[in-house]
C-alpha atoms as a PDB file:
ATOM      1  CA  UNK A   1     -15.083  -1.482   4.958  1.00  0.00           C
ATOM      2  CA  UNK A   2     -12.809   1.033   6.724  1.00  0.00           C
ATOM      3  CA  UNK A   3     -14.404   3.740   8.826  1.00  0.00           C
ATOM      4  CA  UNK A   4     -13.691   7.356   7.887  1.00  0.00           C
ATOM      5  CA  UNK A   5     -15.504   9.131  10.716  1.00  0.00           C
ATOM      6  CA  UNK A   6     -18.103   8.770  13.457  1.00  0.00           C
ATOM      7  CA  UNK A   7     -20.167  11.605  14.954  1.00  0.00           C
ATOM      8  CA  UNK A   8     -23.644  12.096  16.458  1.00  0.00           C
ATOM      9  CA  UNK A   9     -24.488   8.412  15.939  1.00  0.00           C
ATOM     10  CA  UNK A  10     -23.532   8.637  12.250  1.00  0.00           C
ATOM     11  CA  UNK A  11     -20.884   6.247  10.919  1.00  0.00           C
ATOM     12  CA  UNK A  12     -19.156   7.039   7.622  1.00  0.00           C
ATOM     13  CA  UNK A  13     -17.240   4.357   5.737  1.00  0.00           C
ATOM     14  CA  UNK A  14     -15.560   3.945   2.377  1.00  0.00           C
ATOM     15  CA  UNK A  15     -15.203   0.659   0.518  1.00  0.00           C
ATOM     16  CA  UNK A  16     -12.060  -0.366  -1.370  1.00  0.00           C
ATOM     17  CA  UNK A  17     -12.527  -0.686  -5.151  1.00  0.00           C
ATOM     18  CA  UNK A  18     -16.176   0.464  -4.857  1.00  0.00           C
ATOM     19  CA  UNK A  19     -16.778   2.146  -8.203  1.00  0.00           C
ATOM     20  CA  UNK A  20     -19.033  -0.461  -9.837  1.00  0.00           C
ATOM     21  CA  UNK A  21     -22.513   0.735  -8.868  1.00  0.00           C
ATOM     22  CA  UNK A  22     -21.697   4.429  -8.423  1.00  0.00           C
ATOM     23  CA  UNK A  23     -18.792   5.662 -10.541  1.00  0.00           C
ATOM     24  CA  UNK A  24     -19.019   8.992  -8.776  1.00  0.00           C
ATOM     25  CA  UNK A  25     -16.698   9.348  -5.748  1.00  0.00           C
ATOM     26  CA  UNK A  26     -18.837   8.531  -2.714  1.00  0.00           C
ATOM     27  CA  UNK A  27     -18.948   7.143   0.804  1.00  0.00           C
ATOM     28  CA  UNK A  28     -21.423   5.082   2.797  1.00  0.00           C
ATOM     29  CA  UNK A  29     -23.386   6.435   5.754  1.00  0.00           C
ATOM     30  CA  UNK A  30     -25.008   4.427   8.539  1.00  0.00           C
ATOM     31  CA  UNK A  31     -27.363   5.889  11.107  1.00  0.00           C
ATOM     32  CA  UNK A  32     -29.480   3.482  13.147  1.00  0.00           C
ATOM     33  CA  UNK A  33     -31.535   1.485  10.635  1.00  0.00           C
ATOM     34  CA  UNK A  34     -30.745   3.937   7.820  1.00  0.00           C
ATOM     35  CA  UNK A  35     -28.090   3.398   5.156  1.00  0.00           C
ATOM     36  CA  UNK A  36     -27.133   5.665   2.273  1.00  0.00           C
ATOM     37  CA  UNK A  37     -24.487   6.287  -0.349  1.00  0.00           C
ATOM     38  CA  UNK A  38     -23.529   9.952  -0.551  1.00  0.00           C
ATOM     39  CA  UNK A  39     -21.338  11.595  -3.170  1.00  0.00           C
ATOM     40  CA  UNK A  40     -18.283  13.496  -2.018  1.00  0.00           C
ATOM     41  CA  UNK A  41     -20.170  16.570  -3.254  1.00  0.00           C
ATOM     42  CA  UNK A  42     -23.015  15.784  -0.797  1.00  0.00           C
ATOM     43  CA  UNK A  43     -25.490  14.354  -3.308  1.00  0.00           C
ATOM     44  CA  UNK A  44     -27.621  11.499  -1.957  1.00  0.00           C
ATOM     45  CA  UNK A  45     -26.961   8.683  -4.461  1.00  0.00           C
ATOM     46  CA  UNK A  46     -28.856   5.772  -2.897  1.00  0.00           C
ATOM     47  CA  UNK A  47     -30.661   4.838   0.292  1.00  0.00           C
ATOM     48  CA  UNK A  48     -32.062   7.301   2.791  1.00  0.00           C
ATOM     49  CA  UNK A  49     -31.259   9.265   5.918  1.00  0.00           C
ATOM     50  CA  UNK A  50     -33.367  11.546   8.100  1.00  0.00           C
ATOM     51  CA  UNK A  51     -33.049  15.120   6.800  1.00  0.00           C
ATOM     52  CA  UNK A  52     -31.196  16.378   9.898  1.00  0.00           C
ATOM     53  CA  UNK A  53     -28.533  13.671   9.616  1.00  0.00           C
ATOM     54  CA  UNK A  54     -28.234  14.125   5.850  1.00  0.00           C
ATOM     55  CA  UNK A  55     -27.545  17.826   6.375  1.00  0.00           C
ATOM     56  CA  UNK A  56     -24.909  17.027   9.022  1.00  0.00           C
ATOM     57  CA  UNK A  57     -23.228  14.595   6.625  1.00  0.00           C
ATOM     58  CA  UNK A  58     -23.353  17.147   3.793  1.00  0.00           C
ATOM     59  CA  UNK A  59     -21.790  19.811   6.038  1.00  0.00           C
ATOM     60  CA  UNK A  60     -19.056  17.376   7.083  1.00  0.00           C
ATOM     61  CA  UNK A  61     -18.400  16.449   3.428  1.00  0.00           C
ATOM     62  CA  UNK A  62     -18.110  20.121   2.464  1.00  0.00           C
ATOM     63  CA  UNK A  63     -15.555  20.740   5.204  1.00  0.00           C
ATOM     64  CA  UNK A  64     -13.518  17.627   4.335  1.00  0.00           C
ATOM     65  CA  UNK A  65     -13.966  17.506   0.541  1.00  0.00           C
ATOM     66  CA  UNK A  66     -10.248  17.411  -0.263  1.00  0.00           C
ATOM     67  CA  UNK A  67      -9.586  14.651   2.285  1.00  0.00           C
ATOM     68  CA  UNK A  68     -12.541  12.666   0.924  1.00  0.00           C
ATOM     69  CA  UNK A  69     -11.185  12.826  -2.628  1.00  0.00           C
ATOM     70  CA  UNK A  70      -7.785  11.682  -1.360  1.00  0.00           C
ATOM     71  CA  UNK A  71      -9.394   8.762   0.490  1.00  0.00           C
ATOM     72  CA  UNK A  72     -11.471   7.894  -2.610  1.00  0.00           C
ATOM     73  CA  UNK A  73      -8.398   7.871  -4.839  1.00  0.00           C
ATOM     74  CA  UNK A  74      -6.591   5.601  -2.387  1.00  0.00           C
ATOM     75  CA  UNK A  75      -9.616   3.310  -2.003  1.00  0.00           C
ATOM     76  CA  UNK A  76     -10.130   2.740  -5.730  1.00  0.00           C
ATOM     77  CA  UNK A  77      -6.441   1.758  -5.961  1.00  0.00           C
ATOM     78  CA  UNK A  78      -6.947  -0.655  -3.043  1.00  0.00           C
ATOM     79  CA  UNK A  79      -4.655   1.390  -0.801  1.00  0.00           C
ATOM     80  CA  UNK A  80      -5.204   2.199   2.859  1.00  0.00           C
ATOM     81  CA  UNK A  81      -6.462   5.631   3.900  1.00  0.00           C
ATOM     82  CA  UNK A  82      -6.756   7.307   7.266  1.00  0.00           C
ATOM     83  CA  UNK A  83      -9.654   8.570   9.320  1.00  0.00           C
ATOM     84  CA  UNK A  84     -11.076  12.047   8.813  1.00  0.00           C
ATOM     85  CA  UNK A  85     -11.950  14.342  11.713  1.00  0.00           C
ATOM     86  CA  UNK A  86     -15.560  14.127  12.902  1.00  0.00           C
ATOM     87  CA  UNK A  87     -17.996  17.011  12.858  1.00  0.00           C
ATOM     88  CA  UNK A  88     -17.676  18.855  16.180  1.00  0.00           C
END
Protein backbone atom coordinates (compact mmCIF):
# COMPACT_ATOMS: atom_id res chain seq x y z
CA UNK A 1 0.00 0.00 0.00
CA UNK A 2 1.94 3.06 -1.22
CA UNK A 3 2.19 6.06 1.06
CA UNK A 4 0.82 9.37 -0.22
CA UNK A 5 1.81 11.64 2.67
CA UNK A 6 2.90 11.76 6.30
CA UNK A 7 2.38 14.70 8.68
CA UNK A 8 1.79 15.25 12.41
CA UNK A 9 1.89 11.50 13.08
CA UNK A 10 -0.75 10.87 10.40
CA UNK A 11 0.07 8.46 7.58
CA UNK A 12 -2.02 8.54 4.40
CA UNK A 13 -1.94 5.64 1.94
CA UNK A 14 -3.79 4.54 -1.17
CA UNK A 15 -4.30 0.94 -2.23
CA UNK A 16 -4.05 -0.26 -5.83
CA UNK A 17 -7.33 -1.55 -7.30
CA UNK A 18 -9.19 -0.68 -4.05
CA UNK A 19 -12.70 0.05 -5.29
CA UNK A 20 -14.49 -3.07 -4.02
CA UNK A 21 -15.72 -1.96 -0.59
CA UNK A 22 -15.90 1.78 -1.27
CA UNK A 23 -16.55 2.68 -4.90
CA UNK A 24 -16.06 6.32 -4.01
CA UNK A 25 -12.49 7.62 -4.52
CA UNK A 26 -10.82 7.41 -1.12
CA UNK A 27 -7.60 6.95 0.81
CA UNK A 28 -6.63 5.25 4.05
CA UNK A 29 -5.50 7.13 7.16
CA UNK A 30 -3.47 5.75 10.06
CA UNK A 31 -2.88 7.61 13.29
CA UNK A 32 -1.61 5.62 16.27
CA UNK A 33 -4.19 2.89 16.91
CA UNK A 34 -6.77 4.61 14.69
CA UNK A 35 -7.53 3.65 11.09
CA UNK A 36 -10.04 5.19 8.70
CA UNK A 37 -11.07 5.36 5.07
CA UNK A 38 -11.71 8.92 3.95
CA UNK A 39 -13.23 10.04 0.66
CA UNK A 40 -11.26 12.42 -1.51
CA UNK A 41 -14.01 14.91 -0.66
CA UNK A 42 -13.18 14.53 3.07
CA UNK A 43 -16.11 12.31 4.03
CA UNK A 44 -15.30 9.72 6.70
CA UNK A 45 -16.32 6.43 5.03
CA UNK A 46 -15.21 3.85 7.61
CA UNK A 47 -13.21 3.60 10.81
CA UNK A 48 -12.47 6.48 13.14
CA UNK A 49 -9.99 9.23 13.90
CA UNK A 50 -9.81 11.80 16.69
CA UNK A 51 -11.66 14.95 15.57
CA UNK A 52 -8.50 17.09 15.44
CA UNK A 53 -6.72 14.64 13.15
CA UNK A 54 -9.81 14.16 10.98
CA UNK A 55 -10.00 17.91 10.45
CA UNK A 56 -6.29 18.03 9.53
CA UNK A 57 -6.82 15.23 7.01
CA UNK A 58 -9.89 16.97 5.57
CA UNK A 59 -7.95 20.23 5.20
CA UNK A 60 -5.09 18.38 3.49
CA UNK A 61 -7.56 16.62 1.14
CA UNK A 62 -9.17 19.95 0.22
CA UNK A 63 -5.80 21.45 -0.66
CA UNK A 64 -4.70 18.40 -2.69
CA UNK A 65 -8.04 17.29 -4.19
CA UNK A 66 -6.84 17.32 -7.80
CA UNK A 67 -3.69 15.35 -6.95
CA UNK A 68 -5.76 12.85 -4.97
CA UNK A 69 -8.08 12.22 -7.92
CA UNK A 70 -5.05 11.73 -10.17
CA UNK A 71 -3.55 9.24 -7.70
CA UNK A 72 -6.93 7.45 -7.40
CA UNK A 73 -7.25 7.13 -11.17
CA UNK A 74 -3.73 5.71 -11.39
CA UNK A 75 -4.32 3.34 -8.46
CA UNK A 76 -7.51 1.81 -9.84
CA UNK A 77 -5.63 1.12 -13.10
CA UNK A 78 -2.83 -0.52 -11.07
CA UNK A 79 -0.37 2.21 -12.05
CA UNK A 80 2.19 3.86 -9.79
CA UNK A 81 1.54 7.32 -8.37
CA UNK A 82 3.75 9.76 -6.52
CA UNK A 83 3.69 11.25 -3.06
CA UNK A 84 1.67 14.35 -2.27
CA UNK A 85 3.05 17.22 -0.19
CA UNK A 86 2.30 17.00 3.54
CA UNK A 87 0.31 19.57 5.47
CA UNK A 88 2.75 22.21 6.75
